[in-house]
Amino acid sequence: MAYADIQLAPPEAGLTAQSDAQELYRIGLIYSNGTDVPVDYVAAHKWFNLASARGCEEARVCREEMADLLDDREIKKALKAARQWLAKAN
């Protein structure tokens, strides 16, 4: 198998409904910075939103920064993805 054929688990693999705000915030940082994944501001907004909802102030600030980089359609997509994750995780 070639190195390029290796499938890595996404950064959020292993998160559960009990994951704390800091874990969710960390995933947002990974997507916003492109740490071992392509930069994805929609995914970053999703994870910052979830972390913010659990009380992480840093995530709230980052979510606002992501929102400034996204259009309305992308923000709706991020919010929908957050709701879907919550439904699946619970």
C-alpha atoms as a PDB file:
ATOM      1  CA  MET A   1       0.000   0.000   0.000  1.00  0.00           C
ATOM      2  CA  ALA A   2       1.361   3.401  -0.934  1.00  0.00           C
ATOM      3  CA  TYR A   3       1.735   6.019   1.765  1.00  0.00           C
ATOM      4  CA  ALA A   4      -0.859   8.209  -0.004  1.00  0.00           C
ATOM      5  CA  ASP A   5      -3.427   5.397   0.275  1.00  0.00           C
ATOM      6  CA  ILE A   6      -3.413   5.386   4.075  1.00  0.00           C
ATOM      7  CA  GLN A   7      -6.711   6.586   5.529  1.00  0.00           C
ATOM      8  CA  LEU A   8      -6.352   8.572   8.734  1.00  0.00           C
ATOM      9  CA  ALA A   9      -9.208   9.055  11.162  1.00  0.00           C
ATOM     10  CA  PRO A  10     -10.596  12.589  11.274  1.00  0.00           C
ATOM     11  CA  PRO A  11      -9.494  14.711  14.248  1.00  0.00           C
ATOM     12  CA  GLU A  12     -12.945  14.415  15.831  1.00  0.00           C
ATOM     13  CA  ALA A  13     -12.894  10.611  15.881  1.00  0.00           C
ATOM     14  CA  GLY A  14     -13.484   9.467  19.418  1.00  0.00           C
ATOM     15  CA  LEU A  15     -15.406  12.522  20.588  1.00  0.00           C
ATOM     16  CA  THR A  16     -18.599  11.736  22.455  1.00  0.00           C
ATOM     17  CA  ALA A  17     -21.546  13.622  23.877  1.00  0.00           C
ATOM     18  CA  GLN A  18     -19.507  13.811  27.097  1.00  0.00           C
ATOM     19  CA  SER A  19     -16.503  15.480  25.445  1.00  0.00           C
ATOM     20  CA  ASP A  20     -15.704  18.706  27.216  1.00  0.00           C
ATOM     21  CA  ALA A  21     -15.522  22.193  25.747  1.00  0.00           C
ATOM     22  CA  GLN A  22     -11.722  22.161  25.554  1.00  0.00           C
ATOM     23  CA  GLU A  23     -11.720  18.993  23.444  1.00  0.00           C
ATOM     24  CA  LEU A  24     -14.240  20.508  21.029  1.00  0.00           C
ATOM     25  CA  TYR A  25     -12.261  23.772  20.950  1.00  0.00           C
ATOM     26  CA  ARG A  26      -9.079  21.843  20.106  1.00  0.00           C
ATOM     27  CA  ILE A  27     -10.801  20.292  17.073  1.00  0.00           C
ATOM     28  CA  GLY A  28     -11.875  23.755  15.945  1.00  0.00           C
ATOM     29  CA  LEU A  29      -8.266  24.911  16.174  1.00  0.00           C
ATOM     30  CA  ILE A  30      -7.107  21.936  14.116  1.00  0.00           C
ATOM     31  CA  TYR A  31      -9.513  22.806  11.286  1.00  0.00           C
ATOM     32  CA  SER A  32      -8.931  26.555  11.472  1.00  0.00           C
ATOM     33  CA  ASN A  33      -5.149  26.157  11.309  1.00  0.00           C
ATOM     34  CA  GLY A  34      -5.024  23.167   8.979  1.00  0.00           C
ATOM     35  CA  THR A  35      -3.060  21.039  11.420  1.00  0.00           C
ATOM     36  CA  ASP A  36      -2.704  17.677   9.628  1.00  0.00           C
ATOM     37  CA  VAL A  37      -5.968  18.400   7.731  1.00  0.00           C
ATOM     38  CA  PRO A  38      -6.912  20.903   5.045  1.00  0.00           C
ATOM     39  CA  VAL A  39      -8.027  24.269   6.442  1.00  0.00           C
ATOM     40  CA  ASP A  40     -11.824  24.153   6.741  1.00  0.00           C
ATOM     41  CA  TYR A  41     -13.455  27.242   8.226  1.00  0.00           C
ATOM     42  CA  VAL A  42     -16.932  25.699   8.096  1.00  0.00           C
ATOM     43  CA  ALA A  43     -15.773  22.742  10.195  1.00  0.00           C
ATOM     44  CA  ALA A  44     -13.843  25.092  12.477  1.00  0.00           C
ATOM     45  CA  HIS A  45     -16.983  27.198  13.032  1.00  0.00           C
ATOM     46  CA  LYS A  46     -18.935  24.027  13.824  1.00  0.00           C
ATOM     47  CA  TRP A  47     -16.488  22.890  16.517  1.00  0.00           C
ATOM     48  CA  PHE A  48     -16.018  26.384  17.951  1.00  0.00           C
ATOM     49  CA  ASN A  49     -19.802  26.724  18.131  1.00  0.00           C
ATOM     50  CA  LEU A  50     -20.134  23.437  20.001  1.00  0.00           C
ATOM     51  CA  ALA A  51     -17.313  24.357  22.384  1.00  0.00           C
ATOM     52  CA  SER A  52     -18.799  27.798  22.933  1.00  0.00           C
ATOM     53  CA  ALA A  53     -22.148  26.242  23.809  1.00  0.00           C
ATOM     54  CA  ARG A  54     -20.319  24.310  26.535  1.00  0.00           C
ATOM     55  CA  GLY A  55     -18.850  27.469  27.997  1.00  0.00           C
ATOM     56  CA  CYS A  56     -15.490  27.926  26.276  1.00  0.00           C
ATOM     57  CA  GLU A  57     -14.933  31.687  25.934  1.00  0.00           C
ATOM     58  CA  GLU A  58     -11.948  31.252  23.588  1.00  0.00           C
ATOM     59  CA  ALA A  59     -14.172  29.207  21.270  1.00  0.00           C
ATOM     60  CA  ARG A  60     -16.788  31.966  21.238  1.00  0.00           C
ATOM     61  CA  VAL A  61     -14.180  34.471  20.065  1.00  0.00           C
ATOM     62  CA  CYS A  62     -12.856  32.059  17.426  1.00  0.00           C
ATOM     63  CA  ARG A  63     -16.391  31.291  16.216  1.00  0.00           C
ATOM     64  CA  GLU A  64     -16.927  35.015  15.630  1.00  0.00           C
ATOM     65  CA  GLU A  65     -13.642  35.198  13.718  1.00  0.00           C
ATOM     66  CA  MET A  66     -14.690  32.251  11.558  1.00  0.00           C
ATOM     67  CA  ALA A  67     -18.091  33.841  10.922  1.00  0.00           C
ATOM     68  CA  ASP A  68     -16.308  36.911   9.524  1.00  0.00           C
ATOM     69  CA  LEU A  69     -14.602  34.647   6.970  1.00  0.00           C
ATOM     70  CA  LEU A  70     -17.757  32.802   5.897  1.00  0.00           C
ATOM     71  CA  ASP A  71     -20.790  33.781   3.885  1.00  0.00           C
ATOM     72  CA  ASP A  72     -24.342  33.189   5.128  1.00  0.00           C
ATOM     73  CA  ARG A  73     -24.642  29.861   3.287  1.00  0.00           C
ATOM     74  CA  GLU A  74     -21.450  28.550   4.877  1.00  0.00           C
ATOM     75  CA  ILE A  75     -22.531  29.662   8.345  1.00  0.00           C
ATOM     76  CA  LYS A  76     -25.854  27.867   7.914  1.00  0.00           C
ATOM     77  CA  LYS A  77     -23.949  24.772   6.804  1.00  0.00           C
ATOM     78  CA  ALA A  78     -21.738  24.945   9.926  1.00  0.00           C
ATOM     79  CA  LEU A  79     -24.735  25.411  12.225  1.00  0.00           C
ATOM     80  CA  LYS A  80     -26.548  22.498  10.611  1.00  0.00           C
ATOM     81  CA  ALA A  81     -23.459  20.299  10.975  1.00  0.00           C
ATOM     82  CA  ALA A  82     -23.243  21.214  14.676  1.00  0.00           C
ATOM     83  CA  ARG A  83     -26.894  20.268  15.219  1.00  0.00           C
ATOM     84  CA  GLN A  84     -26.375  16.980  13.380  1.00  0.00           C
ATOM     85  CA  TRP A  85     -23.322  16.139  15.477  1.00  0.00           C
ATOM     86  CA  LEU A  86     -25.230  16.854  18.673  1.00  0.00           C
ATOM     87  CA  ALA A  87     -28.115  14.646  17.550  1.00  0.00           C
ATOM     88  CA  LYS A  88     -25.727  11.836  16.637  1.00  0.00           C
ATOM     89  CA  ALA A  89     -23.606  12.177  19.763  1.00  0.00           C
ATOM     90  CA  ASN A  90     -26.604  12.069  22.071  1.00  0.00           C
END
